[in-house]
């Protein structure tokens, strides 16, 4: 029997957490870029020490529409909760 004190984990929990990390990294890059700081500097001094990802990974993350994917996950979960 599941512990009522712990929220149930959904299959999308790991994906949601990953997308939230991507959103945070995107915001950091955008904030610094608005002040004219190159993305390579942001990666080297801000992103890499926090996330330990390569510059190539950061470039891929910048191309992800994380907000849309999070919205889709929320819609899918709400539909599945209603069906239960």
N, C-alpha and C. Protein backbone atom coordinates (compact mmCIF):
# COMPACT_ATOMS: atom_id res chain seq x y z
N UNK A 1 0.84 -1.17 0.00
CA UNK A 1 0.00 0.00 0.00
C UNK A 1 0.89 1.24 0.00
N UNK A 2 0.61 2.23 -0.90
CA UNK A 2 1.44 3.42 -0.96
C UNK A 2 1.31 4.26 0.31
N UNK A 3 2.40 4.92 0.62
CA UNK A 3 2.43 5.80 1.79
C UNK A 3 1.65 7.08 1.48
N UNK A 4 0.58 7.38 2.22
CA UNK A 4 -0.22 8.57 1.92
C UNK A 4 0.53 9.89 2.17
N UNK A 5 1.62 9.84 2.92
CA UNK A 5 2.38 11.06 3.19
C UNK A 5 3.24 11.46 2.00
N UNK A 6 3.55 10.50 1.13
CA UNK A 6 4.39 10.78 -0.04
C UNK A 6 3.51 10.92 -1.28
N UNK A 7 3.74 11.99 -2.07
CA UNK A 7 2.97 12.10 -3.31
C UNK A 7 3.40 11.02 -4.29
N UNK A 8 2.44 10.55 -5.07
CA UNK A 8 2.76 9.51 -6.05
C UNK A 8 3.61 10.09 -7.17
N UNK A 9 4.56 9.32 -7.62
CA UNK A 9 5.42 9.73 -8.71
C UNK A 9 4.78 9.31 -10.03
N UNK A 10 4.79 10.19 -11.00
CA UNK A 10 4.25 9.87 -12.31
C UNK A 10 5.38 9.52 -13.25
N UNK A 11 5.08 8.90 -14.38
CA UNK A 11 6.14 8.58 -15.33
C UNK A 11 6.83 9.83 -15.88
N UNK A 12 6.16 10.96 -15.78
CA UNK A 12 6.72 12.19 -16.34
C UNK A 12 7.52 13.01 -15.34
N UNK A 13 7.69 12.53 -14.12
CA UNK A 13 8.38 13.31 -13.10
C UNK A 13 9.81 13.62 -13.52
N UNK A 14 10.54 12.64 -14.00
CA UNK A 14 11.93 12.87 -14.41
C UNK A 14 11.99 13.84 -15.58
N UNK A 15 11.09 13.69 -16.53
CA UNK A 15 11.07 14.59 -17.69
C UNK A 15 10.73 16.02 -17.25
N UNK A 16 9.77 16.15 -16.35
CA UNK A 16 9.39 17.47 -15.85
C UNK A 16 10.59 18.14 -15.16
N UNK A 17 11.28 17.40 -14.31
CA UNK A 17 12.44 17.96 -13.62
C UNK A 17 13.52 18.37 -14.60
N UNK A 18 13.73 17.57 -15.63
CA UNK A 18 14.72 17.90 -16.66
C UNK A 18 14.32 19.19 -17.39
N UNK A 19 13.05 19.30 -17.74
CA UNK A 19 12.58 20.50 -18.43
C UNK A 19 12.68 21.74 -17.54
N UNK A 20 12.44 21.59 -16.26
CA UNK A 20 12.59 22.72 -15.34
C UNK A 20 14.04 23.18 -15.26
N UNK A 21 14.97 22.22 -15.31
CA UNK A 21 16.39 22.55 -15.33
C UNK A 21 16.75 23.29 -16.62
N UNK A 22 16.18 22.84 -17.73
CA UNK A 22 16.41 23.50 -19.01
C UNK A 22 15.87 24.93 -18.98
N UNK A 23 14.67 25.11 -18.44
CA UNK A 23 14.09 26.45 -18.33
C UNK A 23 14.97 27.39 -17.51
N UNK A 24 15.50 26.87 -16.42
CA UNK A 24 16.37 27.69 -15.57
C UNK A 24 17.64 28.09 -16.31
N UNK A 25 18.25 27.14 -17.01
CA UNK A 25 19.46 27.44 -17.78
C UNK A 25 19.16 28.44 -18.89
N UNK A 26 18.02 28.27 -19.57
CA UNK A 26 17.64 29.21 -20.63
C UNK A 26 17.48 30.62 -20.07
N UNK A 27 16.86 30.74 -18.90
CA UNK A 27 16.67 32.05 -18.28
C UNK A 27 18.00 32.68 -17.92
N UNK A 28 18.93 31.89 -17.40
CA UNK A 28 20.25 32.42 -17.07
C UNK A 28 20.96 32.96 -18.31
N UNK A 29 20.92 32.18 -19.39
CA UNK A 29 21.57 32.61 -20.63
C UNK A 29 20.90 33.88 -21.17
N UNK A 30 19.57 33.90 -21.17
CA UNK A 30 18.86 35.07 -21.69
C UNK A 30 19.13 36.31 -20.86
N UNK A 31 19.17 36.17 -19.53
CA UNK A 31 19.46 37.32 -18.68
C UNK A 31 20.83 37.90 -18.96
N UNK A 32 21.82 37.03 -19.09
CA UNK A 32 23.18 37.50 -19.36
C UNK A 32 23.31 38.02 -20.79
N UNK A 33 22.66 37.37 -21.74
CA UNK A 33 22.74 37.79 -23.14
C UNK A 33 22.11 39.17 -23.35
N UNK A 34 21.08 39.49 -22.56
CA UNK A 34 20.44 40.80 -22.66
C UNK A 34 21.41 41.92 -22.31
N UNK A 35 22.44 41.58 -21.53
CA UNK A 35 23.45 42.57 -21.16
C UNK A 35 24.67 42.51 -22.08
N UNK A 36 24.57 41.71 -23.13
CA UNK A 36 25.65 41.64 -24.12
C UNK A 36 26.74 40.63 -23.81
N UNK A 37 26.50 39.73 -22.87
CA UNK A 37 27.49 38.72 -22.52
C UNK A 37 27.35 37.54 -23.47
N UNK A 38 28.46 37.07 -24.07
CA UNK A 38 28.36 35.93 -24.99
C UNK A 38 27.97 34.64 -24.27
N UNK A 39 27.30 33.75 -25.01
CA UNK A 39 26.84 32.50 -24.44
C UNK A 39 28.01 31.63 -23.97
N UNK A 40 29.15 31.72 -24.65
CA UNK A 40 30.31 30.93 -24.22
C UNK A 40 30.77 31.34 -22.83
N UNK A 41 30.74 32.65 -22.54
CA UNK A 41 31.12 33.13 -21.21
C UNK A 41 30.10 32.65 -20.17
N UNK A 42 28.82 32.76 -20.50
CA UNK A 42 27.77 32.32 -19.58
C UNK A 42 27.93 30.84 -19.29
N UNK A 43 28.20 30.05 -20.32
CA UNK A 43 28.39 28.61 -20.12
C UNK A 43 29.58 28.36 -19.18
N UNK A 44 30.70 29.02 -19.47
CA UNK A 44 31.93 28.76 -18.71
C UNK A 44 31.83 29.20 -17.25
N UNK A 45 31.21 30.35 -17.00
CA UNK A 45 31.22 30.94 -15.66
C UNK A 45 29.94 30.73 -14.85
N UNK A 46 28.84 30.43 -15.50
CA UNK A 46 27.57 30.30 -14.78
C UNK A 46 26.98 28.90 -14.92
N UNK A 47 26.81 28.45 -16.15
CA UNK A 47 26.11 27.18 -16.41
C UNK A 47 26.95 25.96 -16.03
N UNK A 48 28.19 25.90 -16.52
CA UNK A 48 29.01 24.71 -16.26
C UNK A 48 29.23 24.46 -14.77
N UNK A 49 29.56 25.48 -13.97
CA UNK A 49 29.74 25.20 -12.54
C UNK A 49 28.46 24.72 -11.84
N UNK A 50 27.31 25.06 -12.37
CA UNK A 50 26.05 24.68 -11.72
C UNK A 50 25.53 23.33 -12.23
N UNK A 51 25.60 23.09 -13.54
CA UNK A 51 24.98 21.90 -14.14
C UNK A 51 25.96 20.87 -14.67
N UNK A 52 27.24 21.21 -14.83
CA UNK A 52 28.27 20.30 -15.33
C UNK A 52 27.89 19.72 -16.69
N UNK A 53 27.42 20.59 -17.59
CA UNK A 53 27.08 20.15 -18.95
C UNK A 53 28.04 20.77 -19.94
N UNK A 54 28.16 20.16 -21.11
CA UNK A 54 29.04 20.68 -22.14
C UNK A 54 28.37 21.86 -22.86
N UNK A 55 29.19 22.58 -23.62
CA UNK A 55 28.66 23.70 -24.38
C UNK A 55 27.66 23.20 -25.43
N UNK A 56 27.94 22.04 -26.01
CA UNK A 56 27.02 21.46 -26.99
C UNK A 56 25.67 21.14 -26.39
N UNK A 57 25.67 20.61 -25.16
CA UNK A 57 24.41 20.32 -24.48
C UNK A 57 23.65 21.61 -24.22
N UNK A 58 24.35 22.65 -23.78
CA UNK A 58 23.69 23.93 -23.55
C UNK A 58 23.07 24.45 -24.85
N UNK A 59 23.77 24.30 -25.94
CA UNK A 59 23.23 24.75 -27.24
C UNK A 59 21.95 24.00 -27.59
N UNK A 60 21.94 22.68 -27.33
CA UNK A 60 20.72 21.90 -27.58
C UNK A 60 19.60 22.34 -26.65
N UNK A 61 19.93 22.59 -25.39
CA UNK A 61 18.93 23.03 -24.43
C UNK A 61 18.30 24.36 -24.85
N UNK A 62 19.10 25.23 -25.46
CA UNK A 62 18.57 26.53 -25.87
C UNK A 62 17.53 26.37 -26.99
N UNK A 63 17.57 25.27 -27.71
CA UNK A 63 16.61 25.01 -28.78
C UNK A 63 15.36 24.27 -28.34
N UNK A 64 15.27 23.91 -27.07
CA UNK A 64 14.13 23.16 -26.55
C UNK A 64 13.03 24.13 -26.14
N UNK A 65 11.79 23.85 -26.58
CA UNK A 65 10.65 24.64 -26.14
C UNK A 65 10.11 23.98 -24.86
N UNK A 66 10.81 24.23 -23.76
CA UNK A 66 10.50 23.55 -22.50
C UNK A 66 9.13 23.96 -21.96
N UNK A 67 8.74 25.20 -22.13
CA UNK A 67 7.44 25.64 -21.63
C UNK A 67 6.31 24.86 -22.30
N UNK A 68 6.40 24.66 -23.60
CA UNK A 68 5.38 23.91 -24.32
C UNK A 68 5.35 22.45 -23.86
N UNK A 69 6.51 21.86 -23.71
CA UNK A 69 6.56 20.46 -23.28
C UNK A 69 6.02 20.29 -21.87
N UNK A 70 6.31 21.23 -20.98
CA UNK A 70 5.75 21.18 -19.63
C UNK A 70 4.23 21.30 -19.66
N UNK A 71 3.74 22.17 -20.53
CA UNK A 71 2.29 22.34 -20.65
C UNK A 71 1.64 21.04 -21.14
N UNK A 72 2.29 20.36 -22.09
CA UNK A 72 1.76 19.09 -22.60
C UNK A 72 1.74 18.02 -21.51
N UNK A 73 2.78 17.97 -20.69
CA UNK A 73 2.83 17.01 -19.59
C UNK A 73 1.69 17.28 -18.62
N UNK A 74 1.50 18.55 -18.27
CA UNK A 74 0.42 18.90 -17.35
C UNK A 74 -0.95 18.53 -17.92
N UNK A 75 -1.15 18.77 -19.21
CA UNK A 75 -2.42 18.41 -19.84
C UNK A 75 -2.62 16.91 -19.83
N UNK A 76 -1.59 16.15 -20.15
CA UNK A 76 -1.68 14.70 -20.18
C UNK A 76 -2.00 14.16 -18.79
N UNK A 77 -1.33 14.71 -17.77
CA UNK A 77 -1.58 14.24 -16.42
C UNK A 77 -2.98 14.60 -15.95
N UNK A 78 -3.45 15.79 -16.29
CA UNK A 78 -4.81 16.17 -15.86
C UNK A 78 -5.85 15.31 -16.55
N UNK A 79 -5.63 14.94 -17.80
CA UNK A 79 -6.57 14.05 -18.51
C UNK A 79 -6.57 12.68 -17.87
N UNK A 80 -5.40 12.19 -17.49
CA UNK A 80 -5.31 10.86 -16.89
C UNK A 80 -5.89 10.85 -15.48
N UNK A 81 -5.77 11.95 -14.75
CA UNK A 81 -6.36 12.02 -13.42
C UNK A 81 -7.88 12.04 -13.50
N UNK A 82 -8.41 12.73 -14.51
CA UNK A 82 -9.85 12.79 -14.69
C UNK A 82 -10.41 11.43 -15.08
N UNK A 83 -9.62 10.65 -15.83
CA UNK A 83 -10.08 9.34 -16.28
C UNK A 83 -10.11 8.32 -15.13
N UNK A 84 -9.30 8.56 -14.11
CA UNK A 84 -9.23 7.60 -12.99
C UNK A 84 -10.40 7.69 -12.07
